[in-house]
């Protein structure tokens, strides 16, 4: 009986709180207190006023930037970039504001004292009852320490990779001379060990090259060398180069329907993407299965597809595929080796061309990895 009475009292209290919260003034008070208490910098801009000025800023934003409230209100958020406004992310941010859609960007911003801080900014439109954009809310986080850690890791990868590549190349060359008999006759047992060492040294060199390439791409130092590509020709070339690998895995490679349109792209990089996708398909395909490579013309370009009969990919794992150093089976007992960089590099290459990459997969039925390239790639 007492428990029943307590439940009734609880429901009555909940109803009183809800009625109180729904009152406009109470609701606004709670929301304002919450925003003011937030550790994230929060601003609201008025998109109906000229230049979309800031009309509200919480204390966390003031503390983050070092400006006073009077110096912030009425200004466009661009004042935080100072003279450093030639950032690609700013153009994408402007476009999102123009289109009235949410956007997440990481920008170089500057405090009042001139010191740099990296601002992870998430914006979202605020709509009126008719669905019109009247305000924008921006939530800001100072991620300078994270960016600095990423920079240090990137430098570490670069230095270590360069330092490792020279001795590894020398080791590889010495092993090749031994394998060829230049250092004298080699027994069959020794030859087998030399062959294993050569294969492993080649794998390490490939990993180092991938790391160096990826770091160049991340830093924007990677240049495209555009040329004309005919999809049928480049697919035939890659299939031929991987035929021996496919034969050793008892996997059949076949070229399906392929369009003959020409696109503007970097032949070496697109060849690398195809090799990565087809090579992965070979590694994870069961014996006696078939991999089909096709290229379809679309209104905006050409889509390349690599379809296999492998185990398929769990939907919750698909987002991990194109992340650097990420493998779906990261255990020490996994059947296939790899650096976890191939798909991440492929994604970066495709996006440098203004294209998109993805995968369609059903567990137990196989996967189709695809990438689309526009007819005219960015320079």
Protein backbone atom coordinates (compact mmCIF):
# COMPACT_ATOMS: atom_id res chain seq x y z
CA UNK A 1 0.00 0.00 0.00
CA UNK A 2 2.81 2.38 0.92
CA UNK A 3 4.64 1.55 -2.32
CA UNK A 4 1.49 2.33 -4.35
CA UNK A 5 1.17 5.68 -2.58
CA UNK A 6 4.83 6.50 -3.27
CA UNK A 7 4.32 5.74 -6.98
CA UNK A 8 1.32 8.08 -7.08
CA UNK A 9 3.29 10.84 -5.37
CA UNK A 10 6.17 10.33 -7.83
CA UNK A 11 3.85 10.64 -10.82
CA UNK A 12 2.25 13.78 -9.35
CA UNK A 13 5.69 15.33 -8.84
CA UNK A 14 6.69 14.45 -12.40
CA UNK A 15 3.51 16.05 -13.72
CA UNK A 16 4.08 19.22 -11.70
CA UNK A 17 7.67 19.45 -12.96
CA UNK A 18 6.58 18.92 -16.58
CA UNK A 19 3.84 21.56 -16.30
CA UNK A 20 6.36 23.98 -14.76
CA UNK A 21 8.98 23.25 -17.44
CA UNK A 22 6.52 23.79 -20.27
CA UNK A 23 5.85 27.30 -19.03
CA UNK A 24 7.86 29.51 -21.40
CA UNK A 25 9.74 31.46 -18.77
CA UNK A 26 10.73 28.39 -16.73
CA UNK A 27 11.86 26.50 -19.81
CA UNK A 28 13.98 29.40 -21.00
CA UNK A 29 15.55 29.81 -17.58
CA UNK A 30 16.57 26.14 -17.46
CA UNK A 31 17.95 26.19 -21.01
CA UNK A 32 19.93 29.37 -20.39
CA UNK A 33 21.37 27.99 -17.16
CA UNK A 34 22.37 24.80 -18.94
CA UNK A 35 24.08 26.66 -21.79
CA UNK A 36 25.88 28.99 -19.40
CA UNK A 37 27.07 26.00 -17.36
CA UNK A 38 28.36 24.12 -20.39
CA UNK A 39 32.12 23.67 -20.73
CA UNK A 40 31.82 23.97 -24.51
CA UNK A 41 31.94 27.37 -26.13
CA UNK A 42 28.47 28.14 -27.49
CA UNK A 43 27.41 31.00 -29.74
CA UNK A 44 24.16 31.81 -31.51
CA UNK A 45 24.15 33.87 -34.70
CA UNK A 46 21.23 35.62 -36.37
CA UNK A 47 21.05 34.60 -40.04
CA UNK A 48 18.29 37.16 -40.68
CA UNK A 49 20.64 40.06 -39.90
CA UNK A 50 23.35 41.28 -42.29
CA UNK A 51 26.59 39.25 -42.04
CA UNK A 52 25.06 36.68 -39.66
CA UNK A 53 26.37 38.33 -36.43
CA UNK A 54 26.79 36.72 -33.02
CA UNK A 55 23.80 37.57 -30.80
CA UNK A 56 24.67 35.28 -27.89
CA UNK A 57 27.85 33.78 -26.43
CA UNK A 58 28.23 31.80 -23.23
CA UNK A 59 30.98 32.28 -20.67
CA UNK A 60 32.94 29.24 -21.89
CA UNK A 61 33.31 30.87 -25.31
CA UNK A 62 34.55 34.09 -23.68
CA UNK A 63 37.08 32.13 -21.60
CA UNK A 64 38.19 30.14 -24.65
CA UNK A 65 38.87 33.16 -26.88
CA UNK A 66 39.96 35.77 -24.35
CA UNK A 67 37.62 38.41 -25.81
CA UNK A 68 35.09 40.25 -23.69
CA UNK A 69 31.35 39.91 -24.29
CA UNK A 70 31.24 43.43 -25.73
CA UNK A 71 33.98 42.54 -28.24
CA UNK A 72 32.14 39.41 -29.40
CA UNK A 73 28.50 40.40 -29.74
CA UNK A 74 27.56 41.83 -33.14
CA UNK A 75 30.58 40.35 -34.93
CA UNK A 76 30.71 37.58 -37.51
CA UNK A 77 32.60 34.51 -36.28
CA UNK A 78 35.25 35.06 -38.93
CA UNK A 79 37.02 37.50 -36.59
CA UNK A 80 38.46 34.41 -34.88
CA UNK A 81 40.44 33.54 -38.02
CA UNK A 82 42.21 36.91 -37.93
CA UNK A 83 44.08 37.11 -41.28
CA UNK A 84 44.26 33.31 -41.63
CA UNK A 85 41.12 32.98 -43.75
CA UNK A 86 42.49 30.94 -46.62
CA UNK A 87 41.36 27.65 -45.07
CA UNK A 88 39.41 25.17 -47.25
CA UNK A 89 37.20 24.30 -44.28
CA UNK A 90 35.93 27.90 -44.15
CA UNK A 91 34.52 27.66 -47.67
CA UNK A 92 32.69 24.44 -46.77
CA UNK A 93 31.40 26.08 -43.60
CA UNK A 94 30.07 29.07 -45.55
CA UNK A 95 28.35 26.75 -48.01
CA UNK A 96 26.65 24.85 -45.18
CA UNK A 97 25.40 28.12 -43.65
CA UNK A 98 24.15 29.24 -47.05
CA UNK A 99 22.28 25.95 -47.52
CA UNK A 100 21.01 25.90 -43.94
CA UNK A 101 22.51 22.50 -43.06
CA UNK A 102 24.62 21.25 -40.11
CA UNK A 103 28.39 21.06 -40.48
CA UNK A 104 31.45 19.99 -38.48
CA UNK A 105 34.81 21.65 -39.14
CA UNK A 106 38.17 22.05 -37.43
CA UNK A 107 39.59 25.55 -37.92
CA UNK A 108 42.70 27.48 -37.02
CA UNK A 109 41.43 30.24 -34.73
CA UNK A 110 43.23 32.94 -32.76
CA UNK A 111 42.65 34.25 -29.27
CA UNK A 112 42.68 37.93 -28.40
CA UNK A 113 46.37 37.72 -27.47
CA UNK A 114 47.15 36.34 -30.96
CA UNK A 115 47.86 32.77 -29.87
CA UNK A 116 46.67 29.97 -32.13
CA UNK A 117 44.11 27.41 -31.02
CA UNK A 118 42.41 24.68 -33.05
CA UNK A 119 38.65 25.04 -32.88
CA UNK A 120 36.43 22.01 -33.52
CA UNK A 121 33.22 23.76 -34.52
CA UNK A 122 29.83 22.10 -34.93
CA UNK A 123 27.06 24.27 -36.35
CA UNK A 124 23.35 23.56 -36.76
CA UNK A 125 20.45 25.68 -38.05
CA UNK A 126 17.65 26.84 -35.74
CA UNK A 127 14.25 26.79 -37.48
CA UNK A 128 11.08 28.75 -36.81
CA UNK A 129 7.59 27.21 -36.78
CA UNK A 130 7.47 27.42 -40.59
CA UNK A 131 10.75 25.58 -41.07
CA UNK A 132 12.74 28.69 -42.02
CA UNK A 133 16.31 29.15 -40.78
CA UNK A 134 16.39 32.06 -38.34
CA UNK A 135 19.47 31.35 -36.24
CA UNK A 136 22.57 29.18 -36.19
CA UNK A 137 24.01 27.63 -33.04
CA UNK A 138 27.71 26.86 -32.94
CA UNK A 139 29.32 24.56 -30.37
CA UNK A 140 33.10 24.98 -30.08
CA UNK A 141 35.84 22.88 -28.53
CA UNK A 142 39.51 23.77 -28.16
CA UNK A 143 41.28 20.68 -29.58
CA UNK A 144 44.77 22.21 -29.72
CA UNK A 145 46.30 19.54 -27.49
CA UNK A 146 44.82 16.80 -29.67
CA UNK A 147 46.12 18.41 -32.88
CA UNK A 148 49.56 18.79 -31.31
CA UNK A 149 49.56 15.11 -30.36
CA UNK A 150 48.57 14.20 -33.92
CA UNK A 151 51.38 16.37 -35.29
CA UNK A 152 53.94 14.69 -33.04
CA UNK A 153 52.71 11.24 -34.04
CA UNK A 154 52.85 12.24 -37.70
CA UNK A 155 56.43 13.48 -37.35
CA UNK A 156 57.34 10.28 -35.53
CA UNK A 157 55.95 8.15 -38.36
CA UNK A 158 57.78 10.23 -40.94
CA UNK A 159 61.16 10.19 -39.18
CA UNK A 160 61.02 6.50 -38.32
CA UNK A 161 59.87 5.60 -41.82
CA UNK A 162 62.72 7.48 -43.48
CA UNK A 163 65.25 6.08 -41.05
CA UNK A 164 64.03 2.52 -41.62
CA UNK A 165 63.73 2.64 -45.37
CA UNK A 166 67.45 3.01 -46.18
CA UNK A 167 68.72 0.02 -44.14
CA UNK A 168 65.76 -2.10 -45.25
CA UNK A 169 66.50 -1.36 -48.91
CA UNK A 170 70.10 -2.41 -48.32
CA UNK A 171 68.99 -5.62 -46.59
CA UNK A 172 66.61 -6.38 -49.45
CA UNK A 173 69.36 -5.83 -52.06
CA UNK A 174 71.79 -8.07 -50.15
CA UNK A 175 69.22 -10.84 -49.90
CA UNK A 176 68.58 -10.65 -53.64
CA UNK A 177 72.32 -11.04 -54.34
CA UNK A 178 72.47 -14.09 -52.06
CA UNK A 179 69.39 -15.53 -53.73
CA UNK A 180 70.96 -15.08 -57.16
CA UNK A 181 74.12 -16.90 -56.05
CA UNK A 182 76.41 -13.88 -56.24
CA UNK A 183 77.85 -14.76 -52.82
CA UNK A 184 78.38 -18.41 -53.69
CA UNK A 185 76.22 -21.49 -53.90
CA UNK A 186 73.31 -21.57 -51.48
CA UNK A 187 71.81 -24.76 -50.08
CA UNK A 188 68.11 -25.44 -50.55
CA UNK A 189 67.39 -24.86 -46.85
CA UNK A 190 69.29 -21.57 -46.89
CA UNK A 191 67.57 -20.53 -50.10
CA UNK A 192 64.17 -21.13 -48.48
CA UNK A 193 65.11 -18.94 -45.50
CA UNK A 194 66.46 -16.22 -47.81
CA UNK A 195 63.20 -16.28 -49.77
CA UNK A 196 61.18 -15.84 -46.56
CA UNK A 197 63.42 -12.94 -45.49
CA UNK A 198 63.06 -11.30 -48.92
CA UNK A 199 59.26 -11.50 -48.76
CA UNK A 200 59.15 -10.04 -45.26
CA UNK A 201 61.57 -7.24 -46.10
CA UNK A 202 59.42 -6.39 -49.12
CA UNK A 203 56.33 -6.26 -46.88
CA UNK A 204 58.12 -3.88 -44.53
CA UNK A 205 59.21 -1.64 -47.40
CA UNK A 206 55.63 -1.57 -48.68
CA UNK A 207 54.36 -0.61 -45.23
CA UNK A 208 56.92 2.20 -44.95
CA UNK A 209 56.03 3.50 -48.41
CA UNK A 210 52.34 3.47 -47.44
CA UNK A 211 53.04 5.43 -44.26
CA UNK A 212 55.09 8.03 -46.15
CA UNK A 213 52.43 8.35 -48.85
CA UNK A 214 49.66 8.68 -46.30
CA UNK A 215 51.50 11.35 -44.36
CA UNK A 216 52.09 13.32 -47.55
CA UNK A 217 48.39 13.12 -48.34
CA UNK A 218 47.39 14.22 -44.85
CA UNK A 219 49.73 17.21 -44.96
CA UNK A 220 48.53 18.29 -48.41
CA UNK A 221 51.97 17.74 -49.97
CA UNK A 222 50.76 15.04 -52.36
CA UNK A 223 50.35 16.17 -55.97
CA UNK A 224 48.19 14.64 -58.66
CA UNK A 225 49.78 14.07 -62.06
CA UNK A 226 46.70 14.03 -64.22
CA UNK A 227 46.46 12.14 -67.47
CA UNK A 228 43.82 10.45 -69.61
CA UNK A 229 42.58 7.08 -68.39
CA UNK A 230 40.40 4.59 -70.26
CA UNK A 231 38.72 2.39 -67.66
CA UNK A 232 38.84 -0.78 -69.79
CA UNK A 233 42.59 -0.45 -70.35
CA UNK A 234 43.59 0.22 -66.73
CA UNK A 235 41.39 -2.63 -65.43
CA UNK A 236 42.93 -5.07 -67.93
CA UNK A 237 46.41 -3.94 -66.90
CA UNK A 238 45.76 -4.38 -63.18
CA UNK A 239 44.09 -7.78 -63.63
CA UNK A 240 47.11 -8.99 -65.58
CA UNK A 241 49.53 -7.76 -62.90
CA UNK A 242 47.56 -9.61 -60.18
CA UNK A 243 46.93 -12.81 -62.13
CA UNK A 244 49.79 -14.74 -60.49
CA UNK A 245 48.64 -13.68 -57.02
CA UNK A 246 45.09 -14.80 -57.86
CA UNK A 247 46.32 -18.14 -59.23
CA UNK A 248 48.27 -18.85 -56.05
CA UNK A 249 45.07 -18.26 -54.05
CA UNK A 250 42.97 -20.36 -56.48
CA UNK A 251 40.80 -17.33 -57.23
CA UNK A 252 39.53 -16.43 -60.70
CA UNK A 253 39.74 -12.81 -61.87
CA UNK A 254 37.35 -11.69 -64.57
CA UNK A 255 36.50 -8.42 -66.27
CA UNK A 256 32.78 -7.73 -66.46
CA UNK A 257 30.93 -4.98 -68.28
CA UNK A 258 33.29 -2.04 -68.75
CA UNK A 259 32.62 1.33 -70.35
CA UNK A 260 35.21 2.86 -72.67
CA UNK A 261 34.87 6.51 -71.66
CA UNK A 262 38.00 8.53 -70.87
CA UNK A 263 38.45 10.31 -67.54
CA UNK A 264 41.07 12.72 -66.28
CA UNK A 265 42.98 11.24 -63.33
CA UNK A 266 46.41 10.24 -62.07
CA UNK A 267 47.01 6.82 -63.73
CA UNK A 268 49.51 5.58 -61.14
CA UNK A 269 47.27 6.46 -58.20
CA UNK A 270 44.10 4.99 -59.72
CA UNK A 271 46.09 1.86 -60.55
CA UNK A 272 47.10 1.74 -56.87
CA UNK A 273 43.46 1.99 -55.76
CA UNK A 274 42.43 -0.87 -58.05
CA UNK A 275 45.36 -3.01 -56.88
CA UNK A 276 44.40 -2.36 -53.24
CA UNK A 277 40.74 -3.28 -53.77
CA UNK A 278 41.35 -6.33 -55.98
CA UNK A 279 44.26 -7.49 -53.81
CA UNK A 280 42.05 -7.35 -50.70
CA UNK A 281 39.32 -9.25 -52.54
CA UNK A 282 41.80 -11.99 -53.46
CA UNK A 283 43.09 -12.28 -49.88
CA UNK A 284 39.61 -12.70 -48.41
CA UNK A 285 37.99 -14.81 -51.14
CA UNK A 286 37.54 -18.55 -50.67
CA UNK A 287 39.28 -20.97 -53.09
CA UNK A 288 37.56 -21.61 -56.43
CA UNK A 289 35.61 -18.33 -56.18
CA UNK A 290 35.41 -15.49 -58.72
CA UNK A 291 36.13 -11.78 -58.50
CA UNK A 292 34.43 -9.57 -61.08
CA UNK A 293 35.73 -6.08 -61.90
CA UNK A 294 33.44 -3.69 -63.79
CA UNK A 295 33.21 0.00 -64.66
CA UNK A 296 29.88 1.72 -65.29
CA UNK A 297 29.24 5.11 -66.80
CA UNK A 298 27.18 7.43 -64.61
CA UNK A 299 25.88 10.97 -65.23
CA UNK A 300 28.74 12.50 -63.22
CA UNK A 301 31.56 10.11 -64.09
CA UNK A 302 32.58 6.46 -63.93
CA UNK A 303 32.09 3.98 -61.10
CA UNK A 304 34.58 1.13 -60.72
CA UNK A 305 33.35 -1.98 -58.87
CA UNK A 306 35.19 -4.99 -57.44
CA UNK A 307 32.77 -7.77 -56.48
CA UNK A 308 33.85 -10.91 -54.59
CA UNK A 309 32.27 -14.04 -53.11
CA UNK A 310 33.96 -13.67 -49.73
CA UNK A 311 32.52 -13.80 -46.21
CA UNK A 312 30.98 -10.33 -46.39
CA UNK A 313 31.22 -7.56 -43.81
CA UNK A 314 29.09 -6.93 -40.76
CA UNK A 315 27.22 -3.59 -41.13
CA UNK A 316 28.63 -2.30 -37.83
CA UNK A 317 32.18 -2.84 -39.13
CA UNK A 318 31.81 -1.01 -42.44
CA UNK A 319 32.61 2.42 -40.96
CA UNK A 320 35.97 1.07 -39.72
CA UNK A 321 37.14 -0.05 -43.15
CA UNK A 322 38.54 3.22 -44.49
CA UNK A 323 40.19 4.31 -41.23
CA UNK A 324 44.00 4.27 -41.06
CA UNK A 325 45.65 1.37 -39.23
CA UNK A 326 42.23 -0.24 -38.82
CA UNK A 327 41.60 -3.92 -39.49
CA UNK A 328 38.38 -5.79 -38.83
CA UNK A 329 40.37 -8.69 -37.36
CA UNK A 330 43.20 -7.10 -35.38
CA UNK A 331 44.07 -10.22 -33.41
CA UNK A 332 47.45 -11.93 -33.50
CA UNK A 333 45.77 -14.98 -35.06
CA UNK A 334 44.15 -13.31 -38.05
CA UNK A 335 44.47 -15.25 -41.30
CA UNK A 336 45.47 -12.34 -43.53
CA UNK A 337 48.28 -9.88 -42.95
CA UNK A 338 48.21 -6.20 -43.77
CA UNK A 339 49.05 -2.74 -42.51
CA UNK A 340 45.51 -1.43 -42.27
CA UNK A 341 46.52 1.47 -44.54
CA UNK A 342 45.47 0.25 -48.00
CA UNK A 343 41.82 1.28 -47.85
CA UNK A 344 42.60 4.53 -46.01
CA UNK A 345 45.08 5.47 -48.75
CA UNK A 346 42.59 4.46 -51.43
CA UNK A 347 39.93 6.69 -49.85
CA UNK A 348 42.32 9.65 -49.75
CA UNK A 349 43.38 9.13 -53.39
CA UNK A 350 39.77 8.95 -54.60
CA UNK A 351 38.77 12.05 -52.63
CA UNK A 352 41.79 13.95 -54.00
CA UNK A 353 40.24 13.31 -57.43
CA UNK A 354 36.89 14.67 -56.25
CA UNK A 355 35.38 11.18 -56.12
CA UNK A 356 33.76 8.88 -53.56
CA UNK A 357 34.51 5.37 -52.31
CA UNK A 358 32.40 2.83 -50.45
CA UNK A 359 31.30 -0.78 -50.09
CA UNK A 360 28.08 -2.75 -50.35
CA UNK A 361 28.21 -6.03 -48.48
CA UNK A 362 26.03 -8.84 -47.17
CA UNK A 363 27.39 -11.25 -44.57
CA UNK A 364 27.82 -14.67 -46.13
CA UNK A 365 27.25 -13.44 -49.69
CA UNK A 366 30.29 -11.31 -50.53
CA UNK A 367 31.17 -7.64 -50.95
CA UNK A 368 31.37 -5.04 -53.70
CA UNK A 369 33.93 -2.29 -53.14
CA UNK A 370 33.41 0.67 -55.45
CA UNK A 371 34.79 4.10 -56.18
CA UNK A 372 33.49 6.84 -58.46
CA UNK A 373 35.58 9.34 -60.37
CA UNK A 374 34.21 12.46 -62.10
CA UNK A 375 34.92 12.96 -65.79
CA UNK A 376 36.87 16.11 -64.93
CA UNK A 377 39.08 15.81 -61.83
CA UNK A 378 40.33 18.81 -59.79
CA UNK A 379 43.86 19.94 -60.56
